């Protein structure tokens, strides 16, 4: 995605989602129950699509995702129309302050939106697959949450 401007980055994601939707047969996917997963800045992009949809950012008119996965980002904004959101952060993250991430989760819960939060011990920013760390099963946790939303 283009860097330097968050809006341009989200436009790039919207275009990518539109391209995938146009080529569903080729990619063997559908948009009936899709989710968007992002880490750090990518999580902010995923959250923007979850809040506002693809079309707002220049993409096709697509259904909103059924779920958003946000890893280690301090994104604080959300809308009352946000899809269920899985949020994870490492307790030692020096970029996405875990307390700020947890505060966002608590605000989401207060308005009644579905959210699941995990703070993994002894990991920092960019734990990726988490192999060999306390975050090793985060993908399974996210998939379980997604399956609950179907």
N, C-alpha and C. Protein backbone atom coordinates (compact mmCIF):
# COMPACT_ATOMS: atom_id res chain seq x y z
N UNK A 1 0.84 -1.18 0.00
CA UNK A 1 0.00 0.00 0.00
C UNK A 1 0.88 1.24 0.00
N UNK A 2 0.27 2.33 -0.46
CA UNK A 2 1.02 3.59 -0.46
C UNK A 2 1.18 4.09 0.96
N UNK A 3 2.37 4.55 1.27
CA UNK A 3 2.66 5.06 2.61
C UNK A 3 2.57 6.58 2.62
N UNK A 4 2.53 7.14 3.81
CA UNK A 4 2.54 8.58 3.95
C UNK A 4 1.17 9.18 4.18
N UNK A 5 0.13 8.47 3.81
CA UNK A 5 -1.22 8.98 3.97
C UNK A 5 -2.14 7.80 4.24
N UNK A 6 -2.71 7.75 5.41
CA UNK A 6 -3.58 6.64 5.78
C UNK A 6 -4.75 6.46 4.85
N UNK A 7 -5.29 7.58 4.33
CA UNK A 7 -6.43 7.49 3.43
C UNK A 7 -6.04 6.76 2.14
N UNK A 8 -4.89 7.11 1.58
CA UNK A 8 -4.42 6.44 0.36
C UNK A 8 -4.21 4.95 0.61
N UNK A 9 -3.70 4.61 1.76
CA UNK A 9 -3.48 3.20 2.09
C UNK A 9 -4.81 2.45 2.13
N UNK A 10 -5.84 3.04 2.72
CA UNK A 10 -7.15 2.40 2.77
C UNK A 10 -7.77 2.32 1.37
N UNK A 11 -7.53 3.32 0.54
CA UNK A 11 -7.98 3.24 -0.86
C UNK A 11 -7.35 2.04 -1.55
N UNK A 12 -6.07 1.80 -1.28
CA UNK A 12 -5.39 0.66 -1.87
C UNK A 12 -6.02 -0.65 -1.42
N UNK A 13 -6.37 -0.73 -0.15
CA UNK A 13 -7.03 -1.93 0.36
C UNK A 13 -8.41 -2.09 -0.29
N UNK A 14 -9.14 -1.01 -0.43
CA UNK A 14 -10.46 -1.06 -1.08
C UNK A 14 -10.33 -1.57 -2.51
N UNK A 15 -9.33 -1.08 -3.22
CA UNK A 15 -9.11 -1.54 -4.60
C UNK A 15 -8.74 -3.03 -4.62
N UNK A 16 -7.92 -3.44 -3.67
CA UNK A 16 -7.52 -4.86 -3.61
C UNK A 16 -8.74 -5.74 -3.34
N UNK A 17 -9.59 -5.33 -2.41
CA UNK A 17 -10.81 -6.11 -2.12
C UNK A 17 -11.72 -6.15 -3.34
N UNK A 18 -11.83 -5.05 -4.04
CA UNK A 18 -12.66 -5.01 -5.25
C UNK A 18 -12.11 -5.96 -6.31
N UNK A 19 -10.79 -5.97 -6.48
CA UNK A 19 -10.16 -6.86 -7.44
C UNK A 19 -10.41 -8.33 -7.07
N UNK A 20 -10.27 -8.64 -5.80
CA UNK A 20 -10.52 -10.02 -5.35
C UNK A 20 -11.97 -10.40 -5.61
N UNK A 21 -12.89 -9.49 -5.30
CA UNK A 21 -14.31 -9.77 -5.53
C UNK A 21 -14.60 -9.99 -7.01
N UNK A 22 -13.99 -9.20 -7.86
CA UNK A 22 -14.18 -9.35 -9.31
C UNK A 22 -13.62 -10.67 -9.83
N UNK A 23 -12.69 -11.24 -9.10
CA UNK A 23 -12.01 -12.48 -9.51
C UNK A 23 -12.25 -13.62 -8.52
N UNK A 24 -13.45 -13.63 -7.94
CA UNK A 24 -13.78 -14.65 -6.94
C UNK A 24 -13.56 -16.07 -7.45
N UNK A 25 -13.98 -16.31 -8.69
CA UNK A 25 -13.84 -17.66 -9.25
C UNK A 25 -12.37 -18.06 -9.35
N UNK A 26 -11.57 -17.15 -9.84
CA UNK A 26 -10.14 -17.40 -9.99
C UNK A 26 -9.49 -17.71 -8.63
N UNK A 27 -9.85 -16.90 -7.62
CA UNK A 27 -9.24 -17.06 -6.29
C UNK A 27 -9.96 -18.07 -5.41
N UNK A 28 -11.12 -18.57 -5.89
CA UNK A 28 -11.92 -19.54 -5.15
C UNK A 28 -12.32 -19.01 -3.77
N UNK A 29 -12.84 -17.78 -3.79
CA UNK A 29 -13.32 -17.13 -2.56
C UNK A 29 -14.71 -16.56 -2.81
N UNK A 30 -15.38 -16.19 -1.74
CA UNK A 30 -16.63 -15.44 -1.88
C UNK A 30 -16.70 -14.41 -0.77
N UNK A 31 -17.63 -13.52 -0.89
CA UNK A 31 -17.74 -12.42 0.06
C UNK A 31 -18.96 -12.58 0.97
N UNK A 32 -19.44 -13.80 1.14
CA UNK A 32 -20.60 -14.03 2.00
C UNK A 32 -20.28 -13.87 3.48
N UNK A 33 -19.10 -14.22 3.88
CA UNK A 33 -18.75 -14.19 5.30
C UNK A 33 -17.26 -13.87 5.46
N UNK A 34 -16.80 -12.87 4.74
CA UNK A 34 -15.37 -12.61 4.75
C UNK A 34 -14.96 -11.75 5.95
N UNK A 35 -13.68 -11.83 6.23
CA UNK A 35 -13.11 -11.00 7.30
C UNK A 35 -11.87 -10.31 6.74
N UNK A 36 -11.48 -9.25 7.42
CA UNK A 36 -10.25 -8.54 7.05
C UNK A 36 -9.33 -8.57 8.25
N UNK A 37 -8.11 -8.95 8.03
CA UNK A 37 -7.12 -9.07 9.09
C UNK A 37 -5.98 -8.09 8.80
N UNK A 38 -5.53 -7.40 9.84
CA UNK A 38 -4.43 -6.47 9.65
C UNK A 38 -3.60 -6.34 10.91
N UNK A 39 -2.35 -5.99 10.70
CA UNK A 39 -1.41 -5.79 11.80
C UNK A 39 -0.85 -4.39 11.73
N UNK A 40 -0.72 -3.75 12.88
CA UNK A 40 -0.14 -2.42 12.98
C UNK A 40 -0.88 -1.44 12.06
N UNK A 41 -0.19 -0.83 11.11
CA UNK A 41 -0.86 0.10 10.20
C UNK A 41 -1.93 -0.62 9.37
N UNK A 42 -1.68 -1.88 9.04
CA UNK A 42 -2.66 -2.67 8.30
C UNK A 42 -3.94 -2.88 9.10
N UNK A 43 -3.83 -2.93 10.41
CA UNK A 43 -5.01 -3.05 11.26
C UNK A 43 -5.85 -1.78 11.20
N UNK A 44 -5.19 -0.64 11.10
CA UNK A 44 -5.93 0.63 10.96
C UNK A 44 -6.70 0.64 9.64
N UNK A 45 -6.07 0.12 8.59
CA UNK A 45 -6.72 0.05 7.29
C UNK A 45 -7.93 -0.88 7.36
N UNK A 46 -7.76 -2.04 7.96
CA UNK A 46 -8.86 -2.99 8.10
C UNK A 46 -10.00 -2.38 8.91
N UNK A 47 -9.66 -1.67 9.97
CA UNK A 47 -10.68 -1.02 10.81
C UNK A 47 -11.47 0.01 10.02
N UNK A 48 -10.79 0.77 9.17
CA UNK A 48 -11.47 1.80 8.37
C UNK A 48 -12.48 1.16 7.42
N UNK A 49 -12.10 0.06 6.79
CA UNK A 49 -13.03 -0.65 5.90
C UNK A 49 -14.19 -1.21 6.72
N UNK A 50 -13.89 -1.75 7.90
CA UNK A 50 -14.94 -2.29 8.76
C UNK A 50 -15.93 -1.22 9.20
N UNK A 51 -15.44 -0.03 9.44
CA UNK A 51 -16.31 1.07 9.89
C UNK A 51 -17.12 1.67 8.76
N UNK A 52 -16.48 1.88 7.61
CA UNK A 52 -17.12 2.67 6.55
C UNK A 52 -17.44 1.90 5.28
N UNK A 53 -16.88 0.73 5.12
CA UNK A 53 -17.12 -0.05 3.92
C UNK A 53 -16.09 0.22 2.83
N UNK A 54 -16.15 -0.56 1.79
CA UNK A 54 -15.19 -0.49 0.69
C UNK A 54 -15.50 0.68 -0.24
N UNK A 55 -16.77 0.89 -0.53
CA UNK A 55 -17.19 1.88 -1.52
C UNK A 55 -16.75 3.30 -1.15
N UNK A 56 -16.78 3.62 0.12
CA UNK A 56 -16.39 4.97 0.60
C UNK A 56 -14.95 5.30 0.20
N UNK A 57 -14.13 4.27 0.06
CA UNK A 57 -12.72 4.48 -0.27
C UNK A 57 -12.42 4.20 -1.74
N UNK A 58 -13.45 4.26 -2.58
CA UNK A 58 -13.25 4.15 -4.01
C UNK A 58 -13.35 2.75 -4.57
N UNK A 59 -13.71 1.79 -3.74
CA UNK A 59 -13.87 0.42 -4.22
C UNK A 59 -15.30 0.15 -4.64
N UNK A 60 -15.58 -1.10 -4.91
CA UNK A 60 -16.91 -1.52 -5.32
C UNK A 60 -17.86 -1.51 -4.12
N UNK A 61 -19.14 -1.55 -4.42
CA UNK A 61 -20.14 -1.69 -3.36
C UNK A 61 -20.15 -3.16 -2.94
N UNK A 62 -19.52 -3.44 -1.84
CA UNK A 62 -19.41 -4.80 -1.31
C UNK A 62 -20.03 -4.85 0.08
N UNK A 63 -20.45 -6.02 0.50
CA UNK A 63 -20.90 -6.11 1.89
C UNK A 63 -19.73 -5.82 2.82
N UNK A 64 -20.07 -5.28 3.99
CA UNK A 64 -19.01 -5.05 4.97
C UNK A 64 -18.51 -6.41 5.48
N UNK A 65 -17.28 -6.46 5.93
CA UNK A 65 -16.76 -7.72 6.46
C UNK A 65 -17.55 -8.17 7.68
N UNK A 66 -17.61 -9.47 7.88
CA UNK A 66 -18.31 -10.03 9.05
C UNK A 66 -17.46 -9.89 10.31
N UNK A 67 -16.18 -9.68 10.13
CA UNK A 67 -15.28 -9.57 11.27
C UNK A 67 -14.01 -8.84 10.86
N UNK A 68 -13.43 -8.15 11.82
CA UNK A 68 -12.13 -7.50 11.65
C UNK A 68 -11.17 -8.10 12.67
N UNK A 69 -9.96 -8.36 12.23
CA UNK A 69 -8.88 -8.76 13.15
C UNK A 69 -7.87 -7.63 13.15
N UNK A 70 -7.63 -7.11 14.35
CA UNK A 70 -6.68 -6.00 14.52
C UNK A 70 -5.57 -6.43 15.48
N UNK A 71 -4.37 -6.51 14.95
CA UNK A 71 -3.22 -6.84 15.79
C UNK A 71 -2.37 -5.61 16.02
N UNK A 72 -1.99 -5.45 17.23
CA UNK A 72 -1.07 -4.42 17.70
C UNK A 72 -1.17 -3.09 16.96
N UNK A 73 -2.27 -2.41 17.25
CA UNK A 73 -2.43 -1.04 16.77
C UNK A 73 -3.13 -0.21 17.83
N UNK A 74 -2.80 1.06 17.88
CA UNK A 74 -3.42 1.97 18.82
C UNK A 74 -4.64 2.66 18.25
N UNK A 75 -5.20 2.13 17.17
CA UNK A 75 -6.41 2.71 16.56
C UNK A 75 -7.48 2.91 17.62
N UNK A 76 -7.99 4.12 17.73
CA UNK A 76 -8.95 4.38 18.80
C UNK A 76 -10.36 4.64 18.29
N UNK A 77 -10.53 4.99 17.02
CA UNK A 77 -11.86 5.33 16.53
C UNK A 77 -12.62 4.07 16.10
N UNK A 78 -13.94 4.16 16.15
CA UNK A 78 -14.82 3.12 15.68
C UNK A 78 -16.20 3.73 15.49
N UNK A 79 -17.09 3.00 14.83
CA UNK A 79 -18.46 3.47 14.65
C UNK A 79 -19.40 2.46 15.29
N UNK A 80 -20.62 2.84 15.47
CA UNK A 80 -21.62 1.94 16.05
C UNK A 80 -22.03 0.84 15.06
N UNK A 81 -21.59 0.94 13.82
CA UNK A 81 -21.88 -0.07 12.81
C UNK A 81 -20.69 -1.00 12.56
N UNK A 82 -19.65 -0.91 13.38
CA UNK A 82 -18.48 -1.77 13.19
C UNK A 82 -18.84 -3.24 13.33
N UNK A 83 -18.21 -4.09 12.51
CA UNK A 83 -18.43 -5.53 12.67
C UNK A 83 -17.74 -6.03 13.93
N UNK A 84 -18.04 -7.25 14.35
CA UNK A 84 -17.31 -7.83 15.48
C UNK A 84 -15.80 -7.74 15.21
N UNK A 85 -15.07 -7.50 16.27
CA UNK A 85 -13.63 -7.23 16.12
C UNK A 85 -12.83 -8.06 17.11
N UNK A 86 -11.80 -8.71 16.60
CA UNK A 86 -10.83 -9.45 17.41
C UNK A 86 -9.60 -8.56 17.52
N UNK A 87 -9.16 -8.31 18.73
CA UNK A 87 -8.04 -7.40 18.98
C UNK A 87 -6.98 -8.13 19.80
N UNK A 88 -5.73 -8.01 19.39
CA UNK A 88 -4.64 -8.63 20.14
C UNK A 88 -3.44 -7.69 20.15
N UNK A 89 -2.71 -7.76 21.25
CA UNK A 89 -1.50 -6.94 21.43
C UNK A 89 -0.57 -7.69 22.38
N UNK A 90 0.71 -7.42 22.25
CA UNK A 90 1.68 -7.97 23.19
C UNK A 90 1.82 -7.04 24.38
N UNK A 91 1.97 -7.60 25.56
CA UNK A 91 2.06 -6.76 26.75
C UNK A 91 3.31 -5.87 26.75
N UNK A 92 4.31 -6.21 25.96
CA UNK A 92 5.54 -5.42 25.90
C UNK A 92 5.65 -4.58 24.64
N UNK A 93 4.52 -4.31 24.00
CA UNK A 93 4.53 -3.54 22.76
C UNK A 93 4.92 -2.10 23.07
N UNK A 94 5.99 -1.62 22.45
CA UNK A 94 6.47 -0.25 22.66
C UNK A 94 5.94 0.72 21.61
N UNK A 95 5.24 0.20 20.60
CA UNK A 95 4.68 1.05 19.55
C UNK A 95 3.18 1.24 19.74
N UNK A 96 2.46 0.13 19.90
CA UNK A 96 1.01 0.19 20.17
C UNK A 96 0.84 -0.07 21.67
N UNK A 97 0.72 0.99 22.42
CA UNK A 97 0.63 0.88 23.87
C UNK A 97 -0.54 -0.03 24.26
N UNK A 98 -0.25 -1.14 24.95
CA UNK A 98 -1.31 -2.08 25.31
C UNK A 98 -2.46 -1.45 26.10
N UNK A 99 -2.17 -0.45 26.90
CA UNK A 99 -3.23 0.20 27.67
C UNK A 99 -4.18 0.97 26.74
N UNK A 100 -3.63 1.64 25.74
CA UNK A 100 -4.47 2.35 24.77
C UNK A 100 -5.33 1.36 23.99
N UNK A 101 -4.74 0.25 23.58
CA UNK A 101 -5.48 -0.79 22.87
C UNK A 101 -6.61 -1.32 23.75
N UNK A 102 -6.31 -1.58 25.00
CA UNK A 102 -7.32 -2.10 25.93
C UNK A 102 -8.42 -1.07 26.18
N UNK A 103 -8.06 0.21 26.26
CA UNK A 103 -9.07 1.26 26.44
C UNK A 103 -10.05 1.28 25.27
N UNK A 104 -9.55 1.11 24.05
CA UNK A 104 -10.43 1.07 22.87
C UNK A 104 -11.39 -0.10 22.99
N UNK A 105 -10.88 -1.24 23.37
CA UNK A 105 -11.72 -2.43 23.53
C UNK A 105 -12.82 -2.17 24.55
N UNK A 106 -12.47 -1.55 25.65
CA UNK A 106 -13.47 -1.25 26.69
C UNK A 106 -14.53 -0.28 26.18
N UNK A 107 -14.13 0.70 25.37
CA UNK A 107 -15.09 1.64 24.79
C UNK A 107 -16.04 0.91 23.83
N UNK A 108 -15.51 -0.01 23.06
CA UNK A 108 -16.34 -0.79 22.14
C UNK A 108 -17.35 -1.62 22.93
N UNK A 109 -16.89 -2.23 23.99
CA UNK A 109 -17.79 -3.05 24.82
C UNK A 109 -18.90 -2.19 25.42
N UNK A 110 -18.56 -0.98 25.83
CA UNK A 110 -19.55 -0.10 26.46
C UNK A 110 -20.74 0.20 25.55
N UNK A 111 -20.50 0.27 24.24
CA UNK A 111 -21.59 0.58 23.32
C UNK A 111 -22.28 -0.68 22.80
N UNK A 112 -21.84 -1.84 23.28
CA UNK A 112 -22.53 -3.09 22.95
C UNK A 112 -22.07 -3.81 21.71
N UNK A 113 -20.95 -3.38 21.13
CA UNK A 113 -20.41 -4.09 19.96
C UNK A 113 -19.64 -5.33 20.42
N UNK A 114 -19.58 -6.31 19.55
CA UNK A 114 -18.86 -7.54 19.87
C UNK A 114 -17.36 -7.33 19.66
N UNK A 115 -16.61 -7.68 20.68
CA UNK A 115 -15.15 -7.56 20.61
C UNK A 115 -14.53 -8.62 21.51
N UNK A 116 -13.43 -9.15 21.06
CA UNK A 116 -12.65 -10.08 21.89
C UNK A 116 -11.23 -9.55 21.95
N UNK A 117 -10.68 -9.51 23.15
CA UNK A 117 -9.36 -8.91 23.37
C UNK A 117 -8.41 -9.93 23.98
N UNK A 118 -7.19 -9.94 23.45
CA UNK A 118 -6.12 -10.78 23.99
C UNK A 118 -4.87 -9.93 24.15
N UNK A 119 -4.29 -10.00 25.33
CA UNK A 119 -2.99 -9.35 25.58
C UNK A 119 -2.03 -10.47 25.94
N UNK A 120 -1.07 -10.69 25.06
CA UNK A 120 -0.18 -11.83 25.22
C UNK A 120 1.08 -11.42 25.99
N UNK A 121 1.40 -12.18 27.04
CA UNK A 121 2.57 -11.86 27.87
C UNK A 121 3.89 -12.05 27.12
N UNK A 122 4.84 -11.23 27.49
CA UNK A 122 6.24 -11.37 27.05
C UNK A 122 6.46 -11.26 25.55
N UNK A 123 5.57 -10.56 24.84
CA UNK A 123 5.81 -10.29 23.43
C UNK A 123 5.61 -8.80 23.17
N UNK A 124 6.26 -8.32 22.14
CA UNK A 124 6.17 -6.92 21.79
C UNK A 124 5.44 -6.73 20.48
N UNK A 125 5.78 -5.66 19.79
CA UNK A 125 5.15 -5.29 18.53
C UNK A 125 5.63 -6.23 17.42
N UNK A 126 4.71 -6.63 16.57
CA UNK A 126 5.09 -7.45 15.43
C UNK A 126 5.38 -8.89 15.78
N UNK A 127 4.52 -9.52 16.58
CA UNK A 127 4.78 -10.92 16.96
C UNK A 127 4.42 -11.91 15.86
N UNK A 128 3.88 -11.43 14.74
CA UNK A 128 3.63 -12.30 13.58
C UNK A 128 2.80 -13.51 13.94
N UNK A 129 3.27 -14.69 13.57
CA UNK A 129 2.54 -15.93 13.87
C UNK A 129 2.65 -16.30 15.34
N UNK A 130 3.57 -15.68 16.04
CA UNK A 130 3.73 -15.94 17.47
C UNK A 130 4.41 -17.26 17.80
N UNK A 131 4.98 -17.91 16.84
CA UNK A 131 5.58 -19.23 17.07
C UNK A 131 6.64 -19.14 18.17
N UNK A 132 6.50 -20.03 19.14
CA UNK A 132 7.43 -20.08 20.26
C UNK A 132 7.20 -19.02 21.32
N UNK A 133 6.06 -18.31 21.23
CA UNK A 133 5.74 -17.27 22.21
C UNK A 133 4.37 -17.53 22.82
N UNK A 134 3.99 -16.70 23.76
CA UNK A 134 2.66 -16.82 24.37
C UNK A 134 1.55 -16.51 23.38
N UNK A 135 1.90 -15.87 22.26
CA UNK A 135 0.91 -15.52 21.24
C UNK A 135 0.76 -16.61 20.17
N UNK A 136 1.37 -17.75 20.38
CA UNK A 136 1.42 -18.79 19.35
C UNK A 136 0.04 -19.21 18.83
N UNK A 137 -0.98 -19.17 19.62
CA UNK A 137 -2.30 -19.62 19.19
C UNK A 137 -3.25 -18.49 18.83
N UNK A 138 -2.73 -17.28 18.60
CA UNK A 138 -3.62 -16.16 18.33
C UNK A 138 -4.48 -16.40 17.09
N UNK A 139 -3.94 -17.05 16.08
CA UNK A 139 -4.73 -17.29 14.87
C UNK A 139 -5.92 -18.20 15.18
N UNK A 140 -5.69 -19.24 15.95
CA UNK A 140 -6.79 -20.12 16.35
C UNK A 140 -7.83 -19.36 17.17
N UNK A 141 -7.37 -18.48 18.05
CA UNK A 141 -8.30 -17.66 18.84
C UNK A 141 -9.16 -16.79 17.92
N UNK A 142 -8.52 -16.18 16.92
CA UNK A 142 -9.24 -15.31 15.99
C UNK A 142 -10.23 -16.12 15.15
N UNK A 143 -9.84 -17.28 14.70
CA UNK A 143 -10.74 -18.12 13.90
C UNK A 143 -11.94 -18.56 14.73
N UNK A 144 -11.72 -18.95 15.97
CA UNK A 144 -12.84 -19.32 16.85
C UNK A 144 -13.82 -18.16 17.00
N UNK A 145 -13.30 -16.96 17.19
CA UNK A 145 -14.15 -15.78 17.31
C UNK A 145 -14.92 -15.56 16.00
N UNK A 146 -14.25 -15.69 14.87
CA UNK A 146 -14.89 -15.52 13.55
C UNK A 146 -16.02 -16.53 13.38
N UNK A 147 -15.76 -17.80 13.74
CA UNK A 147 -16.78 -18.83 13.59
C UNK A 147 -18.03 -18.53 14.41
N UNK A 148 -17.88 -17.85 15.52
CA UNK A 148 -19.03 -17.46 16.35
C UNK A 148 -19.89 -16.41 15.65
N UNK A 149 -19.30 -15.69 14.68
CA UNK A 149 -20.02 -14.59 14.04
C UNK A 149 -20.82 -15.06 12.82
N UNK A 150 -20.63 -16.29 12.39
CA UNK A 150 -21.31 -16.79 11.18
C UNK A 150 -22.79 -16.99 11.41
